[in-house]
Amino acid sequence: MKGKVVTLDETERWYICEETVQNGNKYYLGLELAGNEPTEDGKSCIFKEEKEGDNIYLVEETDPEIFKYITSVFIKRLMEAVDNLD
């Protein structure tokens, strides 16, 4: 799903910047869009993938400990990518 735009609640559009699997769960880092551009406030969100039958849902991660951990995973990846630019 990384690199795709998803629509939630029929109105919110999110660009999926990154994804990771941790402890058997899939998480995504989303950047909110206004049209095809990021919103002015740069709102981002961590989503957890939930499956129900053949349907896949993205649910905002609200557990503070999981949120901190997943955020640290994404930050580490970003820092590694920046280090590899040279």
C-alpha atoms as a PDB file:
ATOM      1  CA  MET A   1       0.000   0.000   0.000  1.00  0.00           C
ATOM      2  CA  LYS A   2       3.040   2.282   0.389  1.00  0.00           C
ATOM      3  CA  GLY A   3       2.934   5.067  -2.189  1.00  0.00           C
ATOM      4  CA  LYS A   4      -0.838   4.904  -2.654  1.00  0.00           C
ATOM      5  CA  VAL A   5      -3.616   7.363  -1.819  1.00  0.00           C
ATOM      6  CA  VAL A   6      -6.501   5.992   0.236  1.00  0.00           C
ATOM      7  CA  THR A   7      -9.852   7.568   1.046  1.00  0.00           C
ATOM      8  CA  LEU A   8     -11.299   7.129   4.522  1.00  0.00           C
ATOM      9  CA  ASP A   9     -14.862   7.944   5.552  1.00  0.00           C
ATOM     10  CA  GLU A  10     -15.529   8.953   1.923  1.00  0.00           C
ATOM     11  CA  THR A  11     -13.894  12.378   2.430  1.00  0.00           C
ATOM     12  CA  GLU A  12     -10.452  12.107   4.031  1.00  0.00           C
ATOM     13  CA  ARG A  13      -7.614  11.401   1.592  1.00  0.00           C
ATOM     14  CA  TRP A  14      -4.297  10.079   2.885  1.00  0.00           C
ATOM     15  CA  TYR A  15      -1.014   9.407   1.118  1.00  0.00           C
ATOM     16  CA  ILE A  16       0.595   6.278   2.589  1.00  0.00           C
ATOM     17  CA  CYS A  17       4.253   7.245   3.040  1.00  0.00           C
ATOM     18  CA  GLU A  18       5.565   4.197   4.845  1.00  0.00           C
ATOM     19  CA  GLU A  19       4.516   0.827   6.197  1.00  0.00           C
ATOM     20  CA  THR A  20       5.863  -1.706   8.668  1.00  0.00           C
ATOM     21  CA  VAL A  21       4.901  -5.026  10.188  1.00  0.00           C
ATOM     22  CA  GLN A  22       5.470  -5.275  13.934  1.00  0.00           C
ATOM     23  CA  ASN A  23       4.383  -8.186  16.122  1.00  0.00           C
ATOM     24  CA  GLY A  24       2.234  -9.558  13.306  1.00  0.00           C
ATOM     25  CA  ASN A  25       0.364  -6.279  12.774  1.00  0.00           C
ATOM     26  CA  LYS A  26       0.702  -4.002   9.769  1.00  0.00           C
ATOM     27  CA  TYR A  27       1.015  -0.244  10.386  1.00  0.00           C
ATOM     28  CA  TYR A  28       1.061   2.685   7.960  1.00  0.00           C
ATOM     29  CA  LEU A  29       2.247   6.269   8.157  1.00  0.00           C
ATOM     30  CA  GLY A  30      -0.260   8.498   6.364  1.00  0.00           C
ATOM     31  CA  LEU A  31      -0.043  12.145   5.321  1.00  0.00           C
ATOM     32  CA  GLU A  32      -3.411  13.905   4.954  1.00  0.00           C
ATOM     33  CA  LEU A  33      -4.124  15.413   1.551  1.00  0.00           C
ATOM     34  CA  ALA A  34      -6.192  18.376   0.432  1.00  0.00           C
ATOM     35  CA  GLY A  35      -6.794  17.643  -3.228  1.00  0.00           C
ATOM     36  CA  ASN A  36      -3.465  16.224  -4.378  1.00  0.00           C
ATOM     37  CA  GLU A  37      -1.301  18.221  -1.962  1.00  0.00           C
ATOM     38  CA  PRO A  38      -0.511  17.752   1.741  1.00  0.00           C
ATOM     39  CA  THR A  39      -2.721  19.795   4.050  1.00  0.00           C
ATOM     40  CA  GLU A  40      -1.322  23.126   5.257  1.00  0.00           C
ATOM     41  CA  ASP A  41      -0.885  21.819   8.800  1.00  0.00           C
ATOM     42  CA  GLY A  42       0.955  18.720   7.560  1.00  0.00           C
ATOM     43  CA  LYS A  43      -1.302  16.368   9.515  1.00  0.00           C
ATOM     44  CA  SER A  44      -0.035  12.813   9.689  1.00  0.00           C
ATOM     45  CA  CYS A  45      -1.404   9.684  11.294  1.00  0.00           C
ATOM     46  CA  ILE A  46      -0.376   6.142  12.162  1.00  0.00           C
ATOM     47  CA  PHE A  47      -2.907   3.588  11.014  1.00  0.00           C
ATOM     48  CA  LYS A  48      -3.233  -0.064  11.941  1.00  0.00           C
ATOM     49  CA  GLU A  49      -4.535  -2.450   9.309  1.00  0.00           C
ATOM     50  CA  GLU A  50      -7.541  -4.495  10.357  1.00  0.00           C
ATOM     51  CA  LYS A  51      -9.074  -7.227   8.234  1.00  0.00           C
ATOM     52  CA  GLU A  52     -12.669  -8.349   8.274  1.00  0.00           C
ATOM     53  CA  GLY A  53     -13.231 -11.129   5.790  1.00  0.00           C
ATOM     54  CA  ASP A  54     -11.919  -9.886   2.434  1.00  0.00           C
ATOM     55  CA  ASN A  55     -12.109  -6.232   3.523  1.00  0.00           C
ATOM     56  CA  ILE A  56      -9.143  -4.223   4.786  1.00  0.00           C
ATOM     57  CA  TYR A  57      -9.669  -1.237   7.067  1.00  0.00           C
ATOM     58  CA  LEU A  58      -7.229   1.386   8.317  1.00  0.00           C
ATOM     59  CA  VAL A  59      -7.863   2.406  11.908  1.00  0.00           C
ATOM     60  CA  GLU A  60      -6.039   5.229  13.665  1.00  0.00           C
ATOM     61  CA  GLU A  61      -3.661   3.835  16.289  1.00  0.00           C
ATOM     62  CA  THR A  62      -4.638   5.330  19.644  1.00  0.00           C
ATOM     63  CA  ASP A  63      -2.623   3.237  22.108  1.00  0.00           C
ATOM     64  CA  PRO A  64       0.108   5.664  23.289  1.00  0.00           C
ATOM     65  CA  GLU A  65       2.768   2.976  23.769  1.00  0.00           C
ATOM     66  CA  ILE A  66       2.194   1.383  20.364  1.00  0.00           C
ATOM     67  CA  PHE A  67       2.047   4.838  18.765  1.00  0.00           C
ATOM     68  CA  LYS A  68       5.428   5.786  20.272  1.00  0.00           C
ATOM     69  CA  TYR A  69       7.007   2.511  19.210  1.00  0.00           C
ATOM     70  CA  ILE A  70       5.732   2.631  15.613  1.00  0.00           C
ATOM     71  CA  THR A  71       6.721   6.300  15.351  1.00  0.00           C
ATOM     72  CA  SER A  72      10.254   5.367  16.429  1.00  0.00           C
ATOM     73  CA  VAL A  73      10.389   2.667  13.730  1.00  0.00           C
ATOM     74  CA  PHE A  74       9.420   5.199  11.043  1.00  0.00           C
ATOM     75  CA  ILE A  75      11.852   7.830  12.362  1.00  0.00           C
ATOM     76  CA  LYS A  76      14.712   5.308  12.347  1.00  0.00           C
ATOM     77  CA  ARG A  77      13.943   4.401   8.723  1.00  0.00           C
ATOM     78  CA  LEU A  78      13.850   8.073   7.744  1.00  0.00           C
ATOM     79  CA  MET A  79      17.178   8.737   9.430  1.00  0.00           C
ATOM     80  CA  GLU A  80      18.743   5.729   7.648  1.00  0.00           C
ATOM     81  CA  ALA A  81      17.399   6.975   4.309  1.00  0.00           C
ATOM     82  CA  VAL A  82      18.866  10.439   4.908  1.00  0.00           C
ATOM     83  CA  ASP A  83      22.221   8.922   5.902  1.00  0.00           C
ATOM     84  CA  ASN A  84      22.264   6.940   2.645  1.00  0.00           C
ATOM     85  CA  LEU A  85      21.758  10.040   0.464  1.00  0.00           C
ATOM     86  CA  ASP A  86      25.502  10.627   0.244  1.00  0.00           C
END
